[in-house]
């Protein structure tokens, strides 16, 4: 069984193909990292998984259920939550009020998870994290790493990160995206040793 499975996912904006026949399979409880340089299509892939964008071709399955045509707001009820690279808190409210607003997002009226605590408050089965380390200090990164390590294994986590060094300790399996295509996938050791990874990140 897979917690999250993507097959042949294509998306183009005009003549620009941003995801190209992407395949991804994540096992229940897995910590899966998606890396790639800026513009690789990582956030677009998340938007396709959550239903914020509709794919041109391909499918998305959540615990074997095809959710490709399920509206974005309904996917939260099925156990899918995400954070965003650009945090959209309500600045005039306390953190607790922001979390409550996120929980209210599970109603039919709105769905708006905005960061890790809010996403976790929804008791997800699959949690998508979009660059949770972006813009953080060293101490803040350590705090986020501890938070992620404390998340129970009944929550499957897929995390986007463009800085491979920041997130390698988190990952059990890694997918490398480049120009919208999966170019390398495997264990941490396999991906780090792969020549395509070195080519993309180091220009070798």
Protein backbone atom coordinates (compact mmCIF):
# COMPACT_ATOMS: atom_id res chain seq x y z
CA UNK A 1 0.00 0.00 0.00
CA UNK A 2 1.09 3.57 -0.67
CA UNK A 3 0.11 6.61 1.36
CA UNK A 4 0.59 8.89 -1.63
CA UNK A 5 1.04 7.92 -5.26
CA UNK A 6 1.44 10.15 -8.28
CA UNK A 7 1.49 8.66 -11.78
CA UNK A 8 2.36 10.39 -15.04
CA UNK A 9 1.59 13.86 -13.74
CA UNK A 10 1.89 16.53 -16.45
CA UNK A 11 1.25 20.25 -16.15
CA UNK A 12 2.01 23.03 -18.62
CA UNK A 13 1.43 26.76 -18.51
CA UNK A 14 1.19 27.82 -22.12
CA UNK A 15 4.27 26.37 -23.79
CA UNK A 16 6.12 25.83 -20.50
CA UNK A 17 5.98 22.27 -19.20
CA UNK A 18 6.46 22.51 -15.43
CA UNK A 19 5.91 18.85 -14.53
CA UNK A 20 6.71 16.14 -17.02
CA UNK A 21 5.25 12.67 -16.45
CA UNK A 22 6.15 12.75 -12.74
CA UNK A 23 5.86 9.46 -10.85
CA UNK A 24 6.09 9.34 -7.06
CA UNK A 25 5.24 6.63 -4.54
CA UNK A 26 5.43 7.24 -0.79
CA UNK A 27 4.89 4.44 1.73
CA UNK A 28 2.83 4.96 4.90
CA UNK A 29 4.95 6.55 7.62
CA UNK A 30 7.76 7.40 5.23
CA UNK A 31 9.81 10.60 5.40
CA UNK A 32 10.25 11.55 1.76
CA UNK A 33 12.27 14.50 0.52
CA UNK A 34 11.78 16.23 -2.84
CA UNK A 35 14.76 18.34 -3.81
CA UNK A 36 15.79 20.33 -6.84
CA UNK A 37 17.01 23.78 -7.77
CA UNK A 38 14.67 26.76 -7.95
CA UNK A 39 12.27 26.35 -10.87
CA UNK A 40 12.42 22.54 -10.79
CA UNK A 41 8.63 22.25 -10.37
CA UNK A 42 8.55 21.25 -6.70
CA UNK A 43 5.81 23.61 -5.48
CA UNK A 44 3.80 23.02 -8.65
CA UNK A 45 3.89 19.30 -7.85
CA UNK A 46 2.49 20.02 -4.37
CA UNK A 47 -0.22 22.22 -5.89
CA UNK A 48 -1.21 19.35 -8.16
CA UNK A 49 -1.27 16.89 -5.25
CA UNK A 50 -3.45 19.19 -3.13
CA UNK A 51 -5.79 20.03 -5.99
CA UNK A 52 -4.94 23.73 -6.18
CA UNK A 53 -3.94 23.03 -9.78
CA UNK A 54 -5.52 20.54 -12.15
CA UNK A 55 -3.12 18.26 -14.03
CA UNK A 56 -3.17 18.06 -17.80
CA UNK A 57 -2.55 14.33 -17.51
CA UNK A 58 -1.88 11.79 -14.79
CA UNK A 59 -3.37 10.81 -11.45
CA UNK A 60 -3.01 11.37 -7.70
CA UNK A 61 -3.93 8.64 -5.22
CA UNK A 62 -4.20 8.92 -1.43
CA UNK A 63 -4.13 5.56 0.34
CA UNK A 64 -5.15 3.87 -2.93
CA UNK A 65 -8.08 6.25 -3.49
CA UNK A 66 -8.00 8.28 -6.69
CA UNK A 67 -8.31 11.93 -5.65
CA UNK A 68 -7.32 13.47 -8.99
CA UNK A 69 -10.73 15.08 -9.43
CA UNK A 70 -11.55 15.57 -5.75
CA UNK A 71 -11.82 19.31 -4.93
CA UNK A 72 -8.96 20.77 -2.93
CA UNK A 73 -11.15 21.53 0.11
CA UNK A 74 -12.29 17.89 0.30
CA UNK A 75 -8.74 16.53 0.34
CA UNK A 76 -8.25 17.89 3.87
CA UNK A 77 -11.11 15.69 5.05
CA UNK A 78 -9.35 12.70 3.50
CA UNK A 79 -6.23 13.36 5.57
CA UNK A 80 -4.07 15.56 3.34
CA UNK A 81 -2.57 18.76 4.79
CA UNK A 82 0.19 21.09 3.69
CA UNK A 83 2.23 24.10 4.65
CA UNK A 84 3.15 26.90 2.29
CA UNK A 85 6.49 28.43 1.43
CA UNK A 86 4.94 31.87 1.99
CA UNK A 87 3.33 31.87 5.43
CA UNK A 88 -0.09 33.51 5.53
CA UNK A 89 -0.83 34.07 9.19
CA UNK A 90 -3.37 36.63 10.29
CA UNK A 91 -1.04 39.21 11.86
CA UNK A 92 -3.61 40.73 14.20
CA UNK A 93 -4.41 37.39 15.84
CA UNK A 94 -2.57 35.21 18.35
CA UNK A 95 -0.97 31.93 17.29
CA UNK A 96 -3.77 30.06 19.07
CA UNK A 97 -6.40 31.98 17.10
CA UNK A 98 -4.56 31.20 13.87
CA UNK A 99 -4.58 27.49 14.75
CA UNK A 100 -8.30 27.63 15.56
CA UNK A 101 -8.93 29.30 12.21
CA UNK A 102 -7.05 26.44 10.57
CA UNK A 103 -9.27 23.92 12.33
CA UNK A 104 -12.30 25.85 11.15
CA UNK A 105 -10.88 25.33 7.68
CA UNK A 106 -12.03 21.73 7.90
CA UNK A 107 -15.58 23.02 7.62
CA UNK A 108 -17.17 23.14 4.17
CA UNK A 109 -16.75 26.90 4.12
CA UNK A 110 -12.97 27.22 4.06
CA UNK A 111 -9.68 25.33 4.16
CA UNK A 112 -6.52 27.25 4.89
CA UNK A 113 -3.68 25.39 6.66
CA UNK A 114 -0.74 27.82 6.86
CA UNK A 115 2.18 26.30 8.84
CA UNK A 116 3.32 23.14 10.60
CA UNK A 117 1.38 23.60 13.85
CA UNK A 118 -1.79 24.44 11.98
CA UNK A 119 -1.38 21.54 9.58
CA UNK A 120 -0.77 19.13 12.46
CA UNK A 121 -3.82 20.47 14.28
CA UNK A 122 -5.89 18.95 11.47
CA UNK A 123 -4.63 15.46 12.39
CA UNK A 124 -3.44 14.64 8.86
CA UNK A 125 -2.46 11.27 7.49
CA UNK A 126 -0.17 12.83 4.88
CA UNK A 127 1.62 16.12 5.60
CA UNK A 128 3.22 18.10 2.77
CA UNK A 129 5.87 20.60 3.91
CA UNK A 130 6.95 23.28 1.44
CA UNK A 131 10.46 24.43 2.45
CA UNK A 132 9.85 24.67 6.22
CA UNK A 133 13.50 25.69 6.77
CA UNK A 134 13.43 28.67 4.38
CA UNK A 135 14.63 31.90 5.97
CA UNK A 136 15.31 30.37 9.41
CA UNK A 137 18.33 30.91 11.63
CA UNK A 138 20.48 27.97 12.71
CA UNK A 139 18.66 27.78 16.06
CA UNK A 140 15.26 27.97 14.40
CA UNK A 141 16.24 25.22 11.95
CA UNK A 142 17.22 23.02 14.89
CA UNK A 143 13.83 23.67 16.51
CA UNK A 144 12.01 22.70 13.30
CA UNK A 145 14.13 19.55 12.97
CA UNK A 146 13.16 18.57 16.52
CA UNK A 147 9.51 19.25 15.76
CA UNK A 148 9.62 17.08 12.65
CA UNK A 149 11.40 14.28 14.51
CA UNK A 150 8.63 14.28 17.13
CA UNK A 151 5.81 13.80 14.60
CA UNK A 152 4.47 10.24 15.04
CA UNK A 153 4.96 7.65 12.32
CA UNK A 154 1.25 7.41 11.59
CA UNK A 155 1.77 10.70 9.75
CA UNK A 156 3.50 10.34 6.38
CA UNK A 157 5.64 13.37 5.55
CA UNK A 158 6.71 14.65 2.14
CA UNK A 159 8.97 17.68 2.29
CA UNK A 160 10.21 20.04 -0.42
CA UNK A 161 13.64 21.58 0.03
CA UNK A 162 16.04 23.15 -2.43
CA UNK A 163 18.99 23.08 0.00
CA UNK A 164 19.96 19.42 0.11
CA UNK A 165 22.29 19.80 3.10
CA UNK A 166 19.52 21.14 5.33
CA UNK A 167 17.15 18.21 4.94
CA UNK A 168 19.23 15.10 4.27
CA UNK A 169 19.03 13.89 7.87
CA UNK A 170 15.25 13.95 7.64
CA UNK A 171 14.87 11.81 4.53
CA UNK A 172 14.57 8.07 4.10
CA UNK A 173 13.92 8.37 0.40
CA UNK A 174 14.66 11.26 -1.91
CA UNK A 175 13.32 12.38 -5.28
CA UNK A 176 15.35 14.86 -7.34
CA UNK A 177 13.35 17.08 -9.70
CA UNK A 178 14.97 19.05 -12.50
CA UNK A 179 13.01 21.05 -15.09
CA UNK A 180 9.84 19.26 -13.99
CA UNK A 181 11.21 15.73 -14.40
CA UNK A 182 12.21 13.09 -11.88
CA UNK A 183 15.90 12.57 -12.65
CA UNK A 184 17.00 10.57 -9.59
CA UNK A 185 15.11 8.68 -6.90
CA UNK A 186 16.30 6.39 -4.15
CA UNK A 187 17.72 6.20 -0.67
CA UNK A 188 19.77 9.05 0.73
CA UNK A 189 23.04 7.25 -0.06
CA UNK A 190 21.95 6.41 -3.61
CA UNK A 191 20.87 9.95 -4.40
CA UNK A 192 23.93 11.62 -2.91
CA UNK A 193 26.23 9.29 -4.87
CA UNK A 194 24.35 9.61 -8.17
CA UNK A 195 26.22 11.54 -10.89
CA UNK A 196 23.07 13.41 -11.97
CA UNK A 197 22.69 14.82 -8.45
CA UNK A 198 26.26 16.08 -8.52
CA UNK A 199 25.71 17.51 -11.99
CA UNK A 200 22.60 19.44 -10.94
CA UNK A 201 23.95 20.74 -7.65
CA UNK A 202 27.65 21.04 -8.29
CA UNK A 203 27.81 21.50 -12.04
CA UNK A 204 30.11 18.48 -12.42
